[in-house]
Structures are given as C-alpha cells and as structure tokens.
Amino acid sequence: MSSQKTYVAVYSRDPVDDAWNVRIKGVAGCQTHGRSIRQAHARIREALAVWLDCEPGDLQVRDEFPPNVREVASRAVRARDAAQRAGEKAQAEVAEAARALTELGISRRDAGELLGLSHQRVQQLVDAG
C-alpha cells in the first residue's frame, strides 16, 4: 500500500499588494499568489500539479498560515465549537425542564411561560422525550 505524499503550502500576507503569496515547502520555485486564500490555494495546487505532471485533484496539500493568523482563526474556531456545545447542552436542559414541569402537573402553556417558549414548542419537547 503506497502512501501519498502531503505537500505543505506556506502562505504569507503581502499587505502592499493586498494578496497572499504561497509556496510549496521543499519544492524550490513552486510559488504563486492570489487576492484571496481560496484563489491562492487553487493556484498553488495548479502550479504544483504542473510541476509534478499530475492532476490537481490527485495531490494532498496541507495549508500552513502565519502563526498570528493561525492563532486568531484557531481561537475563533474553538469559541464557535464551545458555543455549539453550550447550545446543545442548553437545548437538552430546556427539554428536560419542559418534561419535568409537565410531569409536575403544570400546563404546557404555563411551562412555556416559565421557560420563555411557546406552548407549541413545549409540546414538541415533551413529545420528543
């Protein structure tokens, strides 16, 4: 079984030209640029494919961005993931509260009032439980 080589595309921002310069690590002279990351990514895959005489879709390319860019983006991704997990937990707790309130004999309309939901949403949550 042969493993496919992964090439590393190294990006750097050119603030003067408002563009991304990108090169393939370890492949001297294989470089290009693009106004956006997407454009630079497509162009470097195309350039590498020409360099290696293969199809762009046959290549494995891992993007490497400047550390400051990577850190800011990573923080945002972690925050978004944490928010999603928190939202899922909140939904589960609200559903459990809706079921618990109705089991206490509270009407769906009143449970909705207590939870800040419509009585129809309380009904859905209770039925799904």
N, C-alpha and C. Protein backbone atom coordinates (compact mmCIF):
# COMPACT_ATOMS: atom_id res chain seq x y z
N MET A 1 0.85 -1.17 0.00
CA MET A 1 0.00 0.00 0.00
C MET A 1 0.90 1.24 0.00
N SER A 2 0.71 2.10 -0.97
CA SER A 2 1.55 3.30 -1.06
C SER A 2 0.83 4.47 -0.39
N SER A 3 1.62 5.23 0.35
CA SER A 3 1.03 6.41 0.98
C SER A 3 1.35 7.63 0.11
N GLN A 4 0.37 8.48 -0.03
CA GLN A 4 0.53 9.66 -0.86
C GLN A 4 1.25 10.74 -0.07
N LYS A 5 2.19 11.39 -0.71
CA LYS A 5 2.94 12.46 -0.06
C LYS A 5 2.03 13.67 0.14
N THR A 6 2.18 14.29 1.30
CA THR A 6 1.46 15.53 1.58
C THR A 6 2.43 16.69 1.43
N TYR A 7 2.07 17.62 0.58
CA TYR A 7 2.87 18.82 0.36
C TYR A 7 2.34 19.92 1.28
N VAL A 8 3.24 20.80 1.69
CA VAL A 8 2.86 21.89 2.59
C VAL A 8 2.90 23.21 1.82
N ALA A 9 1.76 23.86 1.75
CA ALA A 9 1.65 25.18 1.11
C ALA A 9 1.82 26.23 2.19
N VAL A 10 2.87 27.03 2.08
CA VAL A 10 3.19 28.05 3.09
C VAL A 10 2.71 29.41 2.58
N TYR A 11 1.80 30.01 3.32
CA TYR A 11 1.20 31.28 2.95
C TYR A 11 1.85 32.43 3.71
N SER A 12 1.96 33.56 3.04
CA SER A 12 2.37 34.79 3.71
C SER A 12 1.56 35.93 3.11
N ARG A 13 1.25 36.89 3.94
CA ARG A 13 0.41 38.01 3.51
C ARG A 13 1.28 39.14 2.99
N ASP A 14 0.94 39.67 1.83
CA ASP A 14 1.63 40.83 1.26
C ASP A 14 0.68 42.02 1.40
N PRO A 15 0.86 42.83 2.44
CA PRO A 15 -0.08 43.94 2.67
C PRO A 15 0.02 45.04 1.61
N VAL A 16 1.16 45.16 0.96
CA VAL A 16 1.32 46.19 -0.07
C VAL A 16 0.45 45.86 -1.28
N ASP A 17 0.51 44.61 -1.73
CA ASP A 17 -0.28 44.18 -2.89
C ASP A 17 -1.67 43.66 -2.51
N ASP A 18 -1.95 43.60 -1.20
CA ASP A 18 -3.22 43.05 -0.71
C ASP A 18 -3.45 41.67 -1.30
N ALA A 19 -2.46 40.79 -1.12
CA ALA A 19 -2.53 39.45 -1.70
C ALA A 19 -1.86 38.44 -0.78
N TRP A 20 -2.09 37.18 -1.08
CA TRP A 20 -1.44 36.08 -0.38
C TRP A 20 -0.39 35.48 -1.30
N ASN A 21 0.85 35.42 -0.82
CA ASN A 21 1.90 34.70 -1.52
C ASN A 21 1.91 33.30 -0.95
N VAL A 22 2.13 32.32 -1.81
CA VAL A 22 2.13 30.94 -1.34
C VAL A 22 3.19 30.16 -2.11
N ARG A 23 3.88 29.29 -1.36
CA ARG A 23 4.92 28.45 -1.95
C ARG A 23 4.78 27.05 -1.37
N ILE A 24 5.35 26.08 -2.09
CA ILE A 24 5.35 24.72 -1.60
C ILE A 24 6.68 24.46 -0.90
N LYS A 25 6.59 24.11 0.35
CA LYS A 25 7.79 23.83 1.15
C LYS A 25 8.53 22.64 0.54
N GLY A 26 9.82 22.83 0.30
CA GLY A 26 10.65 21.75 -0.21
C GLY A 26 10.64 21.61 -1.72
N VAL A 27 9.88 22.44 -2.42
CA VAL A 27 9.85 22.40 -3.89
C VAL A 27 10.27 23.79 -4.36
N ALA A 28 11.57 23.96 -4.53
CA ALA A 28 12.12 25.27 -4.88
C ALA A 28 11.51 25.79 -6.18
N GLY A 29 11.03 27.02 -6.13
CA GLY A 29 10.48 27.68 -7.31
C GLY A 29 9.00 27.48 -7.53
N CYS A 30 8.37 26.59 -6.80
CA CYS A 30 6.93 26.36 -6.96
C CYS A 30 6.20 27.34 -6.05
N GLN A 31 5.77 28.45 -6.63
CA GLN A 31 5.13 29.50 -5.86
C GLN A 31 4.14 30.26 -6.74
N THR A 32 3.23 30.95 -6.09
CA THR A 32 2.25 31.77 -6.79
C THR A 32 1.65 32.74 -5.79
N HIS A 33 0.55 33.37 -6.17
CA HIS A 33 -0.12 34.30 -5.27
C HIS A 33 -1.60 34.35 -5.64
N GLY A 34 -2.38 34.99 -4.78
CA GLY A 34 -3.80 35.17 -5.04
C GLY A 34 -4.34 36.28 -4.18
N ARG A 35 -5.39 36.93 -4.63
CA ARG A 35 -6.01 38.01 -3.86
C ARG A 35 -6.73 37.47 -2.63
N SER A 36 -7.18 36.22 -2.70
CA SER A 36 -7.85 35.60 -1.56
C SER A 36 -7.15 34.28 -1.25
N ILE A 37 -7.42 33.75 -0.07
CA ILE A 37 -6.86 32.45 0.29
C ILE A 37 -7.34 31.39 -0.69
N ARG A 38 -8.62 31.44 -1.02
CA ARG A 38 -9.19 30.45 -1.94
C ARG A 38 -8.49 30.50 -3.30
N GLN A 39 -8.27 31.69 -3.80
CA GLN A 39 -7.60 31.83 -5.10
C GLN A 39 -6.15 31.36 -5.01
N ALA A 40 -5.45 31.74 -3.96
CA ALA A 40 -4.05 31.32 -3.79
C ALA A 40 -3.97 29.80 -3.65
N HIS A 41 -4.92 29.21 -2.92
CA HIS A 41 -4.95 27.75 -2.73
C HIS A 41 -5.14 27.04 -4.08
N ALA A 42 -6.09 27.52 -4.86
CA ALA A 42 -6.34 26.89 -6.17
C ALA A 42 -5.12 27.04 -7.08
N ARG A 43 -4.52 28.20 -7.05
CA ARG A 43 -3.37 28.45 -7.93
C ARG A 43 -2.15 27.61 -7.53
N ILE A 44 -1.92 27.42 -6.22
CA ILE A 44 -0.74 26.65 -5.83
C ILE A 44 -0.95 25.18 -6.12
N ARG A 45 -2.16 24.70 -6.01
CA ARG A 45 -2.44 23.29 -6.38
C ARG A 45 -2.21 23.10 -7.87
N GLU A 46 -2.66 24.07 -8.64
CA GLU A 46 -2.47 24.01 -10.09
C GLU A 46 -0.99 24.07 -10.44
N ALA A 47 -0.25 24.97 -9.79
CA ALA A 47 1.19 25.10 -10.06
C ALA A 47 1.93 23.82 -9.68
N LEU A 48 1.59 23.23 -8.53
CA LEU A 48 2.24 22.00 -8.10
C LEU A 48 1.92 20.84 -9.03
N ALA A 49 0.68 20.80 -9.50
CA ALA A 49 0.29 19.74 -10.43
C ALA A 49 1.10 19.84 -11.72
N VAL A 50 1.29 21.04 -12.22
CA VAL A 50 2.11 21.23 -13.42
C VAL A 50 3.55 20.83 -13.11
N TRP A 51 4.04 21.24 -11.96
CA TRP A 51 5.41 20.95 -11.54
C TRP A 51 5.65 19.44 -11.50
N LEU A 52 4.67 18.70 -10.99
CA LEU A 52 4.80 17.25 -10.80
C LEU A 52 4.20 16.44 -11.95
N ASP A 53 3.59 17.13 -12.93
CA ASP A 53 2.94 16.48 -14.06
C ASP A 53 1.87 15.48 -13.60
N CYS A 54 0.92 16.00 -12.82
CA CYS A 54 -0.20 15.20 -12.35
C CYS A 54 -1.45 16.07 -12.29
N GLU A 55 -2.54 15.49 -11.89
CA GLU A 55 -3.80 16.23 -11.77
C GLU A 55 -3.88 16.91 -10.40
N PRO A 56 -4.40 18.14 -10.32
CA PRO A 56 -4.51 18.83 -9.03
C PRO A 56 -5.31 18.02 -8.00
N GLY A 57 -6.32 17.31 -8.46
CA GLY A 57 -7.15 16.51 -7.54
C GLY A 57 -6.42 15.32 -6.95
N ASP A 58 -5.28 14.94 -7.55
CA ASP A 58 -4.50 13.81 -7.04
C ASP A 58 -3.54 14.21 -5.93
N LEU A 59 -3.46 15.49 -5.63
CA LEU A 59 -2.48 16.00 -4.67
C LEU A 59 -3.07 16.13 -3.27
N GLN A 60 -2.23 15.90 -2.28
CA GLN A 60 -2.59 16.21 -0.90
C GLN A 60 -1.76 17.42 -0.50
N VAL A 61 -2.45 18.52 -0.22
CA VAL A 61 -1.76 19.76 0.15
C VAL A 61 -2.32 20.24 1.48
N ARG A 62 -1.42 20.46 2.42
CA ARG A 62 -1.80 20.99 3.73
C ARG A 62 -1.38 22.45 3.78
N ASP A 63 -2.31 23.32 4.16
CA ASP A 63 -2.04 24.75 4.22
C ASP A 63 -1.38 25.12 5.54
N GLU A 64 -0.39 25.99 5.46
CA GLU A 64 0.30 26.49 6.66
C GLU A 64 0.29 28.02 6.60
N PHE A 65 -0.44 28.62 7.54
CA PHE A 65 -0.57 30.06 7.58
C PHE A 65 0.38 30.65 8.62
N PRO A 66 0.63 31.95 8.54
CA PRO A 66 1.49 32.59 9.54
C PRO A 66 0.93 32.35 10.94
N PRO A 67 1.82 32.19 11.93
CA PRO A 67 1.37 31.86 13.29
C PRO A 67 0.32 32.82 13.85
N ASN A 68 0.47 34.13 13.61
CA ASN A 68 -0.51 35.07 14.16
C ASN A 68 -1.89 34.88 13.52
N VAL A 69 -1.93 34.60 12.24
CA VAL A 69 -3.20 34.35 11.53
C VAL A 69 -3.81 33.04 12.02
N ARG A 70 -2.98 32.02 12.12
CA ARG A 70 -3.44 30.70 12.57
C ARG A 70 -4.01 30.77 13.98
N GLU A 71 -3.36 31.52 14.87
CA GLU A 71 -3.82 31.62 16.26
C GLU A 71 -5.16 32.34 16.36
N VAL A 72 -5.31 33.44 15.65
CA VAL A 72 -6.59 34.18 15.69
C VAL A 72 -7.72 33.29 15.16
N ALA A 73 -7.48 32.62 14.04
CA ALA A 73 -8.51 31.75 13.46
C ALA A 73 -8.81 30.58 14.39
N SER A 74 -7.78 30.01 15.01
CA SER A 74 -7.98 28.87 15.92
C SER A 74 -8.81 29.27 17.13
N ARG A 75 -8.54 30.46 17.67
CA ARG A 75 -9.34 30.94 18.81
C ARG A 75 -10.81 31.06 18.43
N ALA A 76 -11.07 31.59 17.26
CA ALA A 76 -12.45 31.76 16.81
C ALA A 76 -13.13 30.41 16.61
N VAL A 77 -12.42 29.45 16.03
CA VAL A 77 -12.99 28.12 15.81
C VAL A 77 -13.28 27.44 17.15
N ARG A 78 -12.36 27.56 18.10
CA ARG A 78 -12.58 26.98 19.43
C ARG A 78 -13.79 27.63 20.12
N ALA A 79 -13.90 28.93 19.99
CA ALA A 79 -15.04 29.64 20.60
C ALA A 79 -16.35 29.21 19.96
N ARG A 80 -16.35 29.07 18.64
CA ARG A 80 -17.56 28.62 17.94
C ARG A 80 -17.94 27.20 18.35
N ASP A 81 -16.94 26.32 18.47
CA ASP A 81 -17.21 24.95 18.90
C ASP A 81 -17.76 24.92 20.32
N ALA A 82 -17.18 25.72 21.21
CA ALA A 82 -17.65 25.79 22.59
C ALA A 82 -19.09 26.31 22.64
N ALA A 83 -19.39 27.30 21.82
CA ALA A 83 -20.75 27.86 21.78
C ALA A 83 -21.74 26.81 21.29
N GLN A 84 -21.33 26.03 20.31
CA GLN A 84 -22.22 24.98 19.79
C GLN A 84 -22.49 23.93 20.87
N ARG A 85 -21.43 23.51 21.58
CA ARG A 85 -21.61 22.53 22.66
C ARG A 85 -22.51 23.10 23.75
N ALA A 86 -22.30 24.37 24.10
CA ALA A 86 -23.12 25.00 25.13
C ALA A 86 -24.58 25.09 24.67
N GLY A 87 -24.79 25.41 23.40
CA GLY A 87 -26.14 25.48 22.87
C GLY A 87 -26.84 24.13 22.92
N GLU A 88 -26.10 23.08 22.57
CA GLU A 88 -26.67 21.73 22.62
C GLU A 88 -27.03 21.34 24.05
N LYS A 89 -26.15 21.70 24.99
CA LYS A 89 -26.41 21.40 26.40
C LYS A 89 -27.64 22.19 26.88
N ALA A 90 -27.73 23.45 26.49
CA ALA A 90 -28.88 24.28 26.88
C ALA A 90 -30.17 23.70 26.33
N GLN A 91 -30.15 23.25 25.07
CA GLN A 91 -31.36 22.66 24.47
C GLN A 91 -31.79 21.42 25.25
N ALA A 92 -30.82 20.60 25.62
CA ALA A 92 -31.15 19.39 26.38
C ALA A 92 -31.74 19.75 27.74
N GLU A 93 -31.18 20.76 28.40
CA GLU A 93 -31.69 21.17 29.71
C GLU A 93 -33.09 21.78 29.61
N VAL A 94 -33.34 22.55 28.56
CA VAL A 94 -34.67 23.12 28.37
C VAL A 94 -35.69 22.01 28.11
N ALA A 95 -35.31 21.03 27.30
CA ALA A 95 -36.22 19.92 27.03
C ALA A 95 -36.52 19.15 28.31
N GLU A 96 -35.50 18.92 29.12
CA GLU A 96 -35.70 18.22 30.39
C GLU A 96 -36.59 19.06 31.32
N ALA A 97 -36.39 20.35 31.34
CA ALA A 97 -37.22 21.23 32.17
C ALA A 97 -38.67 21.20 31.71
N ALA A 98 -38.89 21.20 30.40
CA ALA A 98 -40.25 21.15 29.87
C ALA A 98 -40.94 19.86 30.31
N ARG A 99 -40.21 18.75 30.21
CA ARG A 99 -40.79 17.47 30.63
C ARG A 99 -41.05 17.46 32.15
N ALA A 100 -40.09 17.96 32.92
CA ALA A 100 -40.24 17.96 34.37
C ALA A 100 -41.41 18.84 34.82
N LEU A 101 -41.55 20.01 34.22
CA LEU A 101 -42.66 20.90 34.59
C LEU A 101 -44.01 20.27 34.29
N THR A 102 -44.12 19.63 33.11
CA THR A 102 -45.40 19.00 32.78
C THR A 102 -45.67 17.79 33.66
N GLU A 103 -44.61 17.10 34.07
CA GLU A 103 -44.79 15.97 35.00
C GLU A 103 -45.23 16.45 36.38
N LEU A 104 -44.91 17.69 36.70
CA LEU A 104 -45.37 18.29 37.97
C LEU A 104 -46.82 18.77 37.88
N GLY A 105 -47.44 18.56 36.72
CA GLY A 105 -48.83 18.94 36.55
C GLY A 105 -49.02 20.35 36.03
N ILE A 106 -47.96 21.01 35.65
CA ILE A 106 -48.06 22.37 35.12
C ILE A 106 -48.47 22.27 33.65
N SER A 107 -49.39 23.11 33.24
CA SER A 107 -49.86 23.06 31.86
C SER A 107 -48.72 23.42 30.90
N ARG A 108 -48.87 22.98 29.67
CA ARG A 108 -47.85 23.29 28.65
C ARG A 108 -47.77 24.79 28.40
N ARG A 109 -48.92 25.45 28.47
CA ARG A 109 -48.94 26.90 28.29
C ARG A 109 -48.17 27.59 29.41
N ASP A 110 -48.38 27.16 30.66
CA ASP A 110 -47.65 27.76 31.78
C ASP A 110 -46.17 27.37 31.76
N ALA A 111 -45.88 26.15 31.38
CA ALA A 111 -44.48 25.72 31.26
C ALA A 111 -43.78 26.59 30.21
N GLY A 112 -44.47 26.86 29.12
CA GLY A 112 -43.91 27.73 28.09
C GLY A 112 -43.65 29.12 28.62
N GLU A 113 -44.57 29.63 29.42
CA GLU A 113 -44.41 30.96 30.03
C GLU A 113 -43.18 30.98 30.94
N LEU A 114 -43.02 29.95 31.74
CA LEU A 114 -41.89 29.86 32.67
C LEU A 114 -40.55 29.73 31.93
N LEU A 115 -40.57 29.03 30.80
CA LEU A 115 -39.33 28.76 30.07
C LEU A 115 -39.05 29.76 28.94
N GLY A 116 -39.99 30.65 28.70
CA GLY A 116 -39.80 31.62 27.61
C GLY A 116 -39.99 30.98 26.24
N LEU A 117 -40.89 29.99 26.18
CA LEU A 117 -41.17 29.26 24.94
C LEU A 117 -42.67 29.32 24.65
N SER A 118 -43.00 29.00 23.44
CA SER A 118 -44.43 28.87 23.12
C SER A 118 -44.93 27.53 23.67
N HIS A 119 -46.24 27.46 23.90
CA HIS A 119 -46.79 26.19 24.38
C HIS A 119 -46.63 25.10 23.33
N GLN A 120 -46.60 25.51 22.04
CA GLN A 120 -46.39 24.52 20.98
C GLN A 120 -44.98 23.91 21.06
N ARG A 121 -43.99 24.76 21.38
CA ARG A 121 -42.62 24.25 21.49
C ARG A 121 -42.50 23.33 22.70
N VAL A 122 -43.16 23.68 23.78
CA VAL A 122 -43.16 22.79 24.95
C VAL A 122 -43.76 21.44 24.56
N GLN A 123 -44.84 21.47 23.82
CA GLN A 123 -45.48 20.23 23.35
C GLN A 123 -44.49 19.39 22.54
N GLN A 124 -43.78 20.04 21.62
CA GLN A 124 -42.78 19.31 20.81
C GLN A 124 -41.71 18.68 21.69
N LEU A 125 -41.22 19.42 22.67
CA LEU A 125 -40.16 18.92 23.53
C LEU A 125 -40.66 17.74 24.38
N VAL A 126 -41.87 17.85 24.89
CA VAL A 126 -42.43 16.79 25.70
C VAL A 126 -42.65 15.55 24.84
N ASP A 127 -43.18 15.73 23.65
CA ASP A 127 -43.44 14.60 22.75
C ASP A 127 -42.16 13.91 22.30
N ALA A 128 -41.09 14.69 22.15
CA ALA A 128 -39.81 14.12 21.68
C ALA A 128 -39.12 13.33 22.78
N GLY A 129 -39.47 13.59 24.03
CA GLY A 129 -38.80 12.97 25.17
C GLY A 129 -39.15 11.55 25.33
